[in-house]
Amino acid sequence: MPQGDKSAYTDKQKRKAEHIEESYEKRGISHEEAEKRAWATVNKQDGGGNKSGSGRANHPKD
């Protein structure tokens, strides 16, 4: 999964990020910076993407 891919996020997390982004833009933050901050906030609150397969692989050691 390339960096910046949002497929690992649930619809609820995507909606949350959109609302946070809008509130940052209302405060005068640029669209690009608002988007970055919104996703950083979602990651901090929810611990990253919540869909299955969104974490790192855990390979057993031999």
PDB file of N, CA and C in Angstrom:
ATOM      1  N   MET A   1       0.853  -1.173   0.000  1.00  0.00           N
ATOM      2  CA  MET A   1       0.000   0.000   0.000  1.00  0.00           C
ATOM      3  C   MET A   1       0.902   1.241   0.000  1.00  0.00           C
ATOM      4  N   PRO A   2       0.798   2.088  -1.005  1.00  0.00           N
ATOM      5  CA  PRO A   2       1.657   3.267  -1.057  1.00  0.00           C
ATOM      6  C   PRO A   2       1.303   4.282   0.032  1.00  0.00           C
ATOM      7  N   GLN A   3       2.274   5.081   0.365  1.00  0.00           N
ATOM      8  CA  GLN A   3       2.060   6.116   1.369  1.00  0.00           C
ATOM      9  C   GLN A   3       0.970   7.070   0.892  1.00  0.00           C
ATOM     10  N   GLY A   4       0.066   7.445   1.775  1.00  0.00           N
ATOM     11  CA  GLY A   4      -1.016   8.351   1.418  1.00  0.00           C
ATOM     12  C   GLY A   4      -2.274   7.637   0.965  1.00  0.00           C
ATOM     13  N   ASP A   5      -2.229   6.306   0.846  1.00  0.00           N
ATOM     14  CA  ASP A   5      -3.399   5.528   0.430  1.00  0.00           C
ATOM     15  C   ASP A   5      -4.381   5.465   1.600  1.00  0.00           C
ATOM     16  N   LYS A   6      -5.623   5.856   1.370  1.00  0.00           N
ATOM     17  CA  LYS A   6      -6.613   5.914   2.439  1.00  0.00           C
ATOM     18  C   LYS A   6      -7.564   4.716   2.435  1.00  0.00           C
ATOM     19  N   SER A   7      -7.243   3.661   1.674  1.00  0.00           N
ATOM     20  CA  SER A   7      -8.147   2.521   1.568  1.00  0.00           C
ATOM     21  C   SER A   7      -8.257   1.728   2.876  1.00  0.00           C
ATOM     22  N   ALA A   8      -7.304   1.883   3.782  1.00  0.00           N
ATOM     23  CA  ALA A   8      -7.328   1.146   5.037  1.00  0.00           C
ATOM     24  C   ALA A   8      -8.241   1.800   6.077  1.00  0.00           C
ATOM     25  N   TYR A   9      -8.795   2.965   5.752  1.00  0.00           N
ATOM     26  CA  TYR A   9      -9.638   3.685   6.702  1.00  0.00           C
ATOM     27  C   TYR A   9     -11.106   3.355   6.478  1.00  0.00           C
ATOM     28  N   THR A  10     -11.854   3.315   7.570  1.00  0.00           N
ATOM     29  CA  THR A  10     -13.288   3.058   7.476  1.00  0.00           C
ATOM     30  C   THR A  10     -13.994   4.317   6.964  1.00  0.00           C
ATOM     31  N   ASP A  11     -15.231   4.154   6.522  1.00  0.00           N
ATOM     32  CA  ASP A  11     -16.010   5.304   6.061  1.00  0.00           C
ATOM     33  C   ASP A  11     -16.166   6.326   7.184  1.00  0.00           C
ATOM     34  N   LYS A  12     -16.342   5.841   8.403  1.00  0.00           N
ATOM     35  CA  LYS A  12     -16.494   6.750   9.540  1.00  0.00           C
ATOM     36  C   LYS A  12     -15.226   7.579   9.747  1.00  0.00           C
ATOM     37  N   GLN A  13     -14.052   6.957   9.614  1.00  0.00           N
ATOM     38  CA  GLN A  13     -12.802   7.695   9.771  1.00  0.00           C
ATOM     39  C   GLN A  13     -12.635   8.723   8.659  1.00  0.00           C
ATOM     40  N   LYS A  14     -13.040   8.365   7.445  1.00  0.00           N
ATOM     41  CA  LYS A  14     -12.949   9.306   6.321  1.00  0.00           C
ATOM     42  C   LYS A  14     -13.869  10.504   6.538  1.00  0.00           C
ATOM     43  N   ARG A  15     -15.089  10.268   7.031  1.00  0.00           N
ATOM     44  CA  ARG A  15     -16.018  11.368   7.324  1.00  0.00           C
ATOM     45  C   ARG A  15     -15.463  12.260   8.423  1.00  0.00           C
ATOM     46  N   LYS A  16     -14.901  11.622   9.450  1.00  0.00           N
ATOM     47  CA  LYS A  16     -14.319  12.375  10.567  1.00  0.00           C
ATOM     48  C   LYS A  16     -13.203  13.287  10.063  1.00  0.00           C
ATOM     49  N   ALA A  17     -12.323  12.759   9.208  1.00  0.00           N
ATOM     50  CA  ALA A  17     -11.218  13.551   8.668  1.00  0.00           C
ATOM     51  C   ALA A  17     -11.748  14.716   7.842  1.00  0.00           C
ATOM     52  N   GLU A  18     -12.820  14.481   7.076  1.00  0.00           N
ATOM     53  CA  GLU A  18     -13.412  15.541   6.250  1.00  0.00           C
ATOM     54  C   GLU A  18     -13.944  16.675   7.123  1.00  0.00           C
ATOM     55  N   HIS A  19     -14.617  16.332   8.212  1.00  0.00           N
ATOM     56  CA  HIS A  19     -15.154  17.362   9.111  1.00  0.00           C
ATOM     57  C   HIS A  19     -14.030  18.138   9.793  1.00  0.00           C
ATOM     58  N   ILE A  20     -13.005  17.430  10.212  1.00  0.00           N
ATOM     59  CA  ILE A  20     -11.871  18.088  10.860  1.00  0.00           C
ATOM     60  C   ILE A  20     -11.174  19.023   9.870  1.00  0.00           C
ATOM     61  N   GLU A  21     -11.017  18.543   8.634  1.00  0.00           N
ATOM     62  CA  GLU A  21     -10.386  19.358   7.591  1.00  0.00           C
ATOM     63  C   GLU A  21     -11.170  20.644   7.359  1.00  0.00           C
ATOM     64  N   GLU A  22     -12.500  20.540   7.287  1.00  0.00           N
ATOM     65  CA  GLU A  22     -13.337  21.727   7.078  1.00  0.00           C
ATOM     66  C   GLU A  22     -13.169  22.725   8.219  1.00  0.00           C
ATOM     67  N   SER A  23     -13.077  22.211   9.445  1.00  0.00           N
ATOM     68  CA  SER A  23     -12.936  23.135  10.578  1.00  0.00           C
ATOM     69  C   SER A  23     -11.583  23.846  10.558  1.00  0.00           C
ATOM     70  N   TYR A  24     -10.531  23.145  10.135  1.00  0.00           N
ATOM     71  CA  TYR A  24      -9.228  23.797   9.998  1.00  0.00           C
ATOM     72  C   TYR A  24      -9.271  24.880   8.918  1.00  0.00           C
ATOM     73  N   GLU A  25      -9.943  24.585   7.803  1.00  0.00           N
ATOM     74  CA  GLU A  25     -10.032  25.565   6.714  1.00  0.00           C
ATOM     75  C   GLU A  25     -10.813  26.799   7.153  1.00  0.00           C
ATOM     76  N   LYS A  26     -11.830  26.621   7.999  1.00  0.00           N
ATOM     77  CA  LYS A  26     -12.584  27.766   8.519  1.00  0.00           C
ATOM     78  C   LYS A  26     -11.697  28.662   9.372  1.00  0.00           C
ATOM     79  N   ARG A  27     -10.663  28.070   9.975  1.00  0.00           N
ATOM     80  CA  ARG A  27      -9.738  28.840  10.807  1.00  0.00           C
ATOM     81  C   ARG A  27      -8.649  29.516   9.987  1.00  0.00           C
ATOM     82  N   GLY A  28      -8.682  29.327   8.668  1.00  0.00           N
ATOM     83  CA  GLY A  28      -7.728  30.003   7.801  1.00  0.00           C
ATOM     84  C   GLY A  28      -6.517  29.179   7.404  1.00  0.00           C
ATOM     85  N   ILE A  29      -6.539  27.874   7.690  1.00  0.00           N
ATOM     86  CA  ILE A  29      -5.430  26.989   7.304  1.00  0.00           C
ATOM     87  C   ILE A  29      -5.629  26.603   5.832  1.00  0.00           C
ATOM     88  N   SER A  30      -4.534  26.505   5.072  1.00  0.00           N
ATOM     89  CA  SER A  30      -4.641  26.124   3.658  1.00  0.00           C
ATOM     90  C   SER A  30      -5.233  24.723   3.531  1.00  0.00           C
ATOM     91  N   HIS A  31      -5.818  24.440   2.356  1.00  0.00           N
ATOM     92  CA  HIS A  31      -6.466  23.152   2.131  1.00  0.00           C
ATOM     93  C   HIS A  31      -5.494  21.991   2.337  1.00  0.00           C
ATOM     94  N   GLU A  32      -4.296  22.111   1.784  1.00  0.00           N
ATOM     95  CA  GLU A  32      -3.311  21.041   1.875  1.00  0.00           C
ATOM     96  C   GLU A  32      -2.888  20.779   3.321  1.00  0.00           C
ATOM     97  N   GLU A  33      -2.608  21.845   4.050  1.00  0.00           N
ATOM     98  CA  GLU A  33      -2.196  21.715   5.447  1.00  0.00           C
ATOM     99  C   GLU A  33      -3.354  21.196   6.301  1.00  0.00           C
ATOM    100  N   ALA A  34      -4.570  21.662   6.014  1.00  0.00           N
ATOM    101  CA  ALA A  34      -5.746  21.203   6.760  1.00  0.00           C
ATOM    102  C   ALA A  34      -5.944  19.709   6.580  1.00  0.00           C
ATOM    103  N   GLU A  35      -5.743  19.218   5.358  1.00  0.00           N
ATOM    104  CA  GLU A  35      -5.896  17.790   5.093  1.00  0.00           C
ATOM    105  C   GLU A  35      -4.855  16.976   5.872  1.00  0.00           C
ATOM    106  N   LYS A  36      -3.618  17.439   5.873  1.00  0.00           N
ATOM    107  CA  LYS A  36      -2.558  16.748   6.618  1.00  0.00           C
ATOM    108  C   LYS A  36      -2.887  16.684   8.109  1.00  0.00           C
ATOM    109  N   ARG A  37      -3.298  17.827   8.635  1.00  0.00           N
ATOM    110  CA  ARG A  37      -3.605  17.886  10.074  1.00  0.00           C
ATOM    111  C   ARG A  37      -4.814  17.019  10.415  1.00  0.00           C
ATOM    112  N   ALA A  38      -5.803  17.000   9.527  1.00  0.00           N
ATOM    113  CA  ALA A  38      -7.008  16.207   9.772  1.00  0.00           C
ATOM    114  C   ALA A  38      -6.667  14.718   9.868  1.00  0.00           C
ATOM    115  N   TRP A  39      -5.855  14.226   8.925  1.00  0.00           N
ATOM    116  CA  TRP A  39      -5.489  12.798   8.957  1.00  0.00           C
ATOM    117  C   TRP A  39      -4.589  12.491  10.142  1.00  0.00           C
ATOM    118  N   ALA A  40      -3.730  13.427  10.520  1.00  0.00           N
ATOM    119  CA  ALA A  40      -2.895  13.224  11.701  1.00  0.00           C
ATOM    120  C   ALA A  40      -3.760  13.113  12.948  1.00  0.00           C
ATOM    121  N   THR A  41      -4.819  13.918  13.016  1.00  0.00           N
ATOM    122  CA  THR A  41      -5.741  13.880  14.145  1.00  0.00           C
ATOM    123  C   THR A  41      -6.492  12.556  14.189  1.00  0.00           C
ATOM    124  N   VAL A  42      -6.981  12.095  13.036  1.00  0.00           N
ATOM    125  CA  VAL A  42      -7.693  10.815  12.973  1.00  0.00           C
ATOM    126  C   VAL A  42      -6.755   9.686  13.405  1.00  0.00           C
ATOM    127  N   ASN A  43      -5.514   9.717  12.924  1.00  0.00           N
ATOM    128  CA  ASN A  43      -4.547   8.679  13.299  1.00  0.00           C
ATOM    129  C   ASN A  43      -4.286   8.682  14.799  1.00  0.00           C
ATOM    130  N   LYS A  44      -4.170   9.874  15.371  1.00  0.00           N
ATOM    131  CA  LYS A  44      -3.905   9.958  16.806  1.00  0.00           C
ATOM    132  C   LYS A  44      -5.093   9.452  17.618  1.00  0.00           C
ATOM    133  N   GLN A  45      -6.307   9.807  17.204  1.00  0.00           N
ATOM    134  CA  GLN A  45      -7.496   9.408  17.944  1.00  0.00           C
ATOM    135  C   GLN A  45      -7.815   7.923  17.787  1.00  0.00           C
ATOM    136  N   ASP A  46      -7.663   7.397  16.575  1.00  0.00           N
ATOM    137  CA  ASP A  46      -8.103   6.031  16.286  1.00  0.00           C
ATOM    138  C   ASP A  46      -6.969   5.034  16.135  1.00  0.00           C
ATOM    139  N   GLY A  47      -5.740   5.491  16.117  1.00  0.00           N
ATOM    140  CA  GLY A  47      -4.616   4.576  15.966  1.00  0.00           C
ATOM    141  C   GLY A  47      -4.410   4.085  14.552  1.00  0.00           C
ATOM    142  N   GLY A  48      -4.751   4.881  13.552  1.00  0.00           N
ATOM    143  CA  GLY A  48      -4.540   4.504  12.151  1.00  0.00           C
ATOM    144  C   GLY A  48      -5.751   3.833  11.552  1.00  0.00           C
ATOM    145  N   GLY A  49      -5.554   3.238  10.384  1.00  0.00           N
ATOM    146  CA  GLY A  49      -6.644   2.570   9.666  1.00  0.00           C
ATOM    147  C   GLY A  49      -7.180   1.385  10.435  1.00  0.00           C
ATOM    148  N   ASN A  50      -8.493   1.186  10.406  1.00  0.00           N
ATOM    149  CA  ASN A  50      -9.108   0.106  11.170  1.00  0.00           C
ATOM    150  C   ASN A  50      -9.614  -1.045  10.323  1.00  0.00           C
ATOM    151  N   LYS A  51      -9.477  -0.975   9.021  1.00  0.00           N
ATOM    152  CA  LYS A  51      -9.909  -2.096   8.193  1.00  0.00           C
ATOM    153  C   LYS A  51      -8.879  -3.216   8.292  1.00  0.00           C
ATOM    154  N   SER A  52      -9.324  -4.446   8.088  1.00  0.00           N
ATOM    155  CA  SER A  52      -8.405  -5.576   8.184  1.00  0.00           C
ATOM    156  C   SER A  52      -7.304  -5.445   7.139  1.00  0.00           C
ATOM    157  N   GLY A  53      -6.116  -5.870   7.520  1.00  0.00           N
ATOM    158  CA  GLY A  53      -4.977  -5.784   6.623  1.00  0.00           C
ATOM    159  C   GLY A  53      -4.310  -4.427   6.615  1.00  0.00           C
ATOM    160  N   SER A  54      -4.721  -3.537   7.505  1.00  0.00           N
ATOM    161  CA  SER A  54      -4.154  -2.190   7.495  1.00  0.00           C
ATOM    162  C   SER A  54      -2.907  -2.066   8.362  1.00  0.00           C
ATOM    163  N   GLY A  55      -2.570  -3.128   9.083  1.00  0.00           N
ATOM    164  CA  GLY A  55      -1.380  -3.079   9.932  1.00  0.00           C
ATOM    165  C   GLY A  55      -0.202  -3.754   9.267  1.00  0.00           C
ATOM    166  N   ARG A  56       0.894  -3.774   9.976  1.00  0.00           N
ATOM    167  CA  ARG A  56       2.087  -4.436   9.452  1.00  0.00           C
ATOM    168  C   ARG A  56       1.949  -5.941   9.612  1.00  0.00           C
ATOM    169  N   ALA A  57       2.569  -6.655   8.707  1.00  0.00           N
ATOM    170  CA  ALA A  57       2.550  -8.114   8.779  1.00  0.00           C
ATOM    171  C   ALA A  57       3.389  -8.573   9.961  1.00  0.00           C
ATOM    172  N   ASN A  58       2.947  -9.606  10.634  1.00  0.00           N
ATOM    173  CA  ASN A  58       3.664 -10.154  11.766  1.00  0.00           C
ATOM    174  C   ASN A  58       4.108 -11.566  11.403  1.00  0.00           C
ATOM    175  N   HIS A  59       5.325 -11.669  10.863  1.00  0.00           N
ATOM    176  CA  HIS A  59       5.831 -12.964  10.428  1.00  0.00           C
ATOM    177  C   HIS A  59       6.459 -13.692  11.608  1.00  0.00           C
ATOM    178  N   PRO A  60       6.064 -14.935  11.840  1.00  0.00           N
ATOM    179  CA  PRO A  60       6.669 -15.689  12.953  1.00  0.00           C
ATOM    180  C   PRO A  60       8.141 -15.983  12.683  1.00  0.00           C
ATOM    181  N   LYS A  61       8.933 -15.928  13.724  1.00  0.00           N
ATOM    182  CA  LYS A  61      10.357 -16.229  13.590  1.00  0.00           C
ATOM    183  C   LYS A  61      10.558 -17.730  13.710  1.00  0.00           C
ATOM    184  N   ASP A  62      11.474 -18.236  12.914  1.00  0.00           N
ATOM    185  CA  ASP A  62      11.750 -19.686  12.950  1.00  0.00           C
ATOM    186  C   ASP A  62      12.727 -20.039  14.040  1.00  0.00           C
TER     187      ASP A  62
END
